[in-house]
């Protein structure tokens, strides 16, 4: 919940280098303590989800380069 804690800081989001020059059809990822956060780059204030670093590594290991 934003604004609920004075210690909250927005994660450092980044896009994949594969997102293309327009960068409008991709997800953004931010690594935080104990979690990897994911959001839609077109809706930065929209829904987000987080997974454990282990789950993220497993996901990345299953996708085609």
N, C-alpha and C. Protein backbone atom coordinates (compact mmCIF):
# COMPACT_ATOMS: atom_id res chain seq x y z
N UNK A 1 0.85 -1.17 0.00
CA UNK A 1 0.00 0.00 0.00
C UNK A 1 0.89 1.23 0.00
N UNK A 2 0.76 2.06 -0.97
CA UNK A 2 1.59 3.26 -1.07
C UNK A 2 1.15 4.30 -0.06
N UNK A 3 2.12 4.98 0.50
CA UNK A 3 1.83 6.04 1.44
C UNK A 3 1.59 5.54 2.86
N UNK A 4 1.51 4.23 3.07
CA UNK A 4 1.22 3.69 4.39
C UNK A 4 2.46 3.67 5.27
N UNK A 5 3.62 3.66 4.68
CA UNK A 5 4.84 3.59 5.45
C UNK A 5 5.83 4.62 4.95
N UNK A 6 6.49 5.28 5.88
CA UNK A 6 7.47 6.27 5.48
C UNK A 6 8.76 5.62 5.00
N UNK A 7 8.90 4.29 5.19
CA UNK A 7 10.10 3.60 4.76
C UNK A 7 9.96 3.00 3.36
N UNK A 8 8.79 3.11 2.74
CA UNK A 8 8.58 2.55 1.40
C UNK A 8 9.38 3.34 0.38
N UNK A 9 10.06 2.61 -0.50
CA UNK A 9 10.73 3.27 -1.62
C UNK A 9 10.41 2.48 -2.88
N UNK A 10 10.16 3.18 -3.95
CA UNK A 10 9.82 2.56 -5.23
C UNK A 10 11.01 1.75 -5.72
N UNK A 11 10.76 0.51 -6.16
CA UNK A 11 11.87 -0.31 -6.68
C UNK A 11 12.47 0.30 -7.94
N UNK A 12 13.67 -0.11 -8.26
CA UNK A 12 14.35 0.34 -9.47
C UNK A 12 13.95 -0.59 -10.61
N UNK A 13 13.00 -0.14 -11.42
CA UNK A 13 12.44 -0.96 -12.51
C UNK A 13 13.33 -0.89 -13.73
N UNK A 14 13.38 -2.00 -14.49
CA UNK A 14 14.10 -2.00 -15.76
C UNK A 14 13.37 -2.85 -16.77
N UNK A 15 13.59 -2.54 -18.05
CA UNK A 15 12.98 -3.27 -19.17
C UNK A 15 14.03 -4.16 -19.81
N UNK A 16 13.56 -5.19 -20.45
CA UNK A 16 14.44 -6.10 -21.17
C UNK A 16 15.08 -5.39 -22.35
N UNK A 17 16.29 -5.78 -22.66
CA UNK A 17 16.94 -5.24 -23.86
C UNK A 17 16.27 -5.77 -25.12
N UNK A 18 15.41 -6.78 -25.00
CA UNK A 18 14.68 -7.34 -26.13
C UNK A 18 13.34 -6.65 -26.36
N UNK A 19 13.04 -5.59 -25.62
CA UNK A 19 11.73 -4.96 -25.72
C UNK A 19 11.55 -4.12 -26.98
N UNK A 20 12.60 -3.90 -27.73
CA UNK A 20 12.48 -3.15 -28.98
C UNK A 20 12.68 -1.66 -28.77
N UNK A 21 12.74 -0.94 -29.86
CA UNK A 21 13.02 0.50 -29.79
C UNK A 21 11.85 1.29 -29.24
N UNK A 22 10.62 0.81 -29.46
CA UNK A 22 9.45 1.52 -28.94
C UNK A 22 9.26 1.24 -27.45
N UNK A 23 9.56 0.04 -27.03
CA UNK A 23 9.48 -0.33 -25.63
C UNK A 23 8.08 -0.33 -25.06
N UNK A 24 7.07 -0.47 -25.93
CA UNK A 24 5.70 -0.36 -25.45
C UNK A 24 4.99 -1.69 -25.28
N UNK A 25 5.67 -2.80 -25.54
CA UNK A 25 5.05 -4.12 -25.40
C UNK A 25 5.94 -5.02 -24.55
N UNK A 26 6.15 -4.63 -23.33
CA UNK A 26 7.02 -5.45 -22.50
C UNK A 26 6.64 -5.32 -21.03
N UNK A 27 7.28 -6.12 -20.25
CA UNK A 27 7.13 -6.02 -18.81
C UNK A 27 8.37 -5.36 -18.24
N UNK A 28 8.23 -4.84 -17.06
CA UNK A 28 9.36 -4.29 -16.33
C UNK A 28 9.56 -5.14 -15.08
N UNK A 29 10.80 -5.25 -14.66
CA UNK A 29 11.16 -6.09 -13.53
C UNK A 29 11.97 -5.26 -12.55
N UNK A 30 11.76 -5.53 -11.27
CA UNK A 30 12.55 -4.89 -10.21
C UNK A 30 12.90 -5.95 -9.17
N UNK A 31 14.17 -5.99 -8.80
CA UNK A 31 14.62 -6.94 -7.78
C UNK A 31 14.57 -6.23 -6.43
N UNK A 32 13.92 -6.87 -5.48
CA UNK A 32 13.83 -6.32 -4.14
C UNK A 32 14.29 -7.35 -3.13
N UNK A 33 14.28 -6.98 -1.86
CA UNK A 33 14.71 -7.94 -0.84
C UNK A 33 13.74 -9.13 -0.78
N UNK A 34 14.19 -10.28 -1.20
CA UNK A 34 13.39 -11.49 -1.12
C UNK A 34 12.32 -11.65 -2.17
N UNK A 35 12.27 -10.76 -3.18
CA UNK A 35 11.21 -10.86 -4.18
C UNK A 35 11.65 -10.21 -5.49
N UNK A 36 11.08 -10.70 -6.58
CA UNK A 36 11.23 -10.07 -7.89
C UNK A 36 9.85 -9.56 -8.27
N UNK A 37 9.76 -8.26 -8.55
CA UNK A 37 8.48 -7.60 -8.85
C UNK A 37 8.34 -7.46 -10.37
N UNK A 38 7.13 -7.63 -10.87
CA UNK A 38 6.87 -7.56 -12.31
C UNK A 38 5.64 -6.68 -12.55
N UNK A 39 5.71 -5.83 -13.59
CA UNK A 39 4.58 -4.98 -13.96
C UNK A 39 4.57 -4.76 -15.47
N UNK A 40 3.44 -4.29 -15.98
CA UNK A 40 3.28 -3.95 -17.39
C UNK A 40 3.90 -2.57 -17.61
N UNK A 41 4.75 -2.45 -18.61
CA UNK A 41 5.42 -1.17 -18.87
C UNK A 41 4.45 -0.07 -19.31
N UNK A 42 3.30 -0.46 -19.87
CA UNK A 42 2.32 0.54 -20.33
C UNK A 42 1.43 1.03 -19.19
N UNK A 43 1.36 0.27 -18.11
CA UNK A 43 0.48 0.61 -16.99
C UNK A 43 1.29 0.56 -15.71
N UNK A 44 2.20 1.49 -15.56
CA UNK A 44 3.15 1.45 -14.46
C UNK A 44 2.49 1.57 -13.09
N UNK A 45 1.34 2.21 -13.00
CA UNK A 45 0.63 2.30 -11.73
C UNK A 45 -0.43 1.21 -11.58
N UNK A 46 -0.46 0.29 -12.54
CA UNK A 46 -1.45 -0.79 -12.52
C UNK A 46 -1.01 -1.95 -11.66
N UNK A 47 -1.65 -3.09 -11.88
CA UNK A 47 -1.34 -4.28 -11.08
C UNK A 47 0.11 -4.71 -11.21
N UNK A 48 0.61 -5.26 -10.15
CA UNK A 48 1.96 -5.81 -10.10
C UNK A 48 1.88 -7.15 -9.40
N UNK A 49 2.88 -7.96 -9.62
CA UNK A 49 2.98 -9.18 -8.83
C UNK A 49 4.43 -9.41 -8.46
N UNK A 50 4.63 -10.22 -7.45
CA UNK A 50 5.98 -10.53 -6.99
C UNK A 50 6.12 -12.04 -6.82
N UNK A 51 7.30 -12.53 -7.11
CA UNK A 51 7.62 -13.94 -6.94
C UNK A 51 8.96 -14.03 -6.22
N UNK A 52 9.23 -15.19 -5.68
CA UNK A 52 10.52 -15.38 -5.01
C UNK A 52 11.64 -15.38 -6.04
N UNK A 53 12.85 -15.04 -5.63
CA UNK A 53 13.98 -15.11 -6.57
C UNK A 53 14.16 -16.50 -7.16
N UNK A 54 13.88 -17.53 -6.38
CA UNK A 54 13.99 -18.90 -6.88
C UNK A 54 12.97 -19.17 -7.99
N UNK A 55 11.73 -18.72 -7.79
CA UNK A 55 10.70 -18.89 -8.81
C UNK A 55 11.05 -18.12 -10.08
N UNK A 56 11.62 -16.93 -9.93
CA UNK A 56 12.01 -16.13 -11.09
C UNK A 56 13.12 -16.83 -11.88
N UNK A 57 14.12 -17.36 -11.19
CA UNK A 57 15.20 -18.09 -11.86
C UNK A 57 14.64 -19.31 -12.59
N UNK A 58 13.70 -20.01 -11.96
CA UNK A 58 13.08 -21.16 -12.60
C UNK A 58 12.33 -20.74 -13.87
N UNK A 59 11.58 -19.66 -13.79
CA UNK A 59 10.87 -19.12 -14.96
C UNK A 59 11.84 -18.79 -16.08
N UNK A 60 12.89 -18.04 -15.77
CA UNK A 60 13.86 -17.64 -16.79
C UNK A 60 14.54 -18.86 -17.41
N UNK A 61 14.74 -19.90 -16.64
CA UNK A 61 15.38 -21.10 -17.15
C UNK A 61 14.50 -21.88 -18.10
N UNK A 62 13.21 -21.58 -18.12
CA UNK A 62 12.27 -22.32 -18.97
C UNK A 62 11.88 -21.59 -20.25
N UNK A 63 12.30 -20.34 -20.42
CA UNK A 63 11.92 -19.61 -21.63
C UNK A 63 13.01 -19.72 -22.68
N UNK A 64 12.61 -19.58 -23.92
CA UNK A 64 13.55 -19.63 -25.04
C UNK A 64 14.30 -18.30 -25.15
N UNK A 65 15.59 -18.34 -25.42
CA UNK A 65 16.34 -17.07 -25.61
C UNK A 65 15.98 -16.37 -26.90
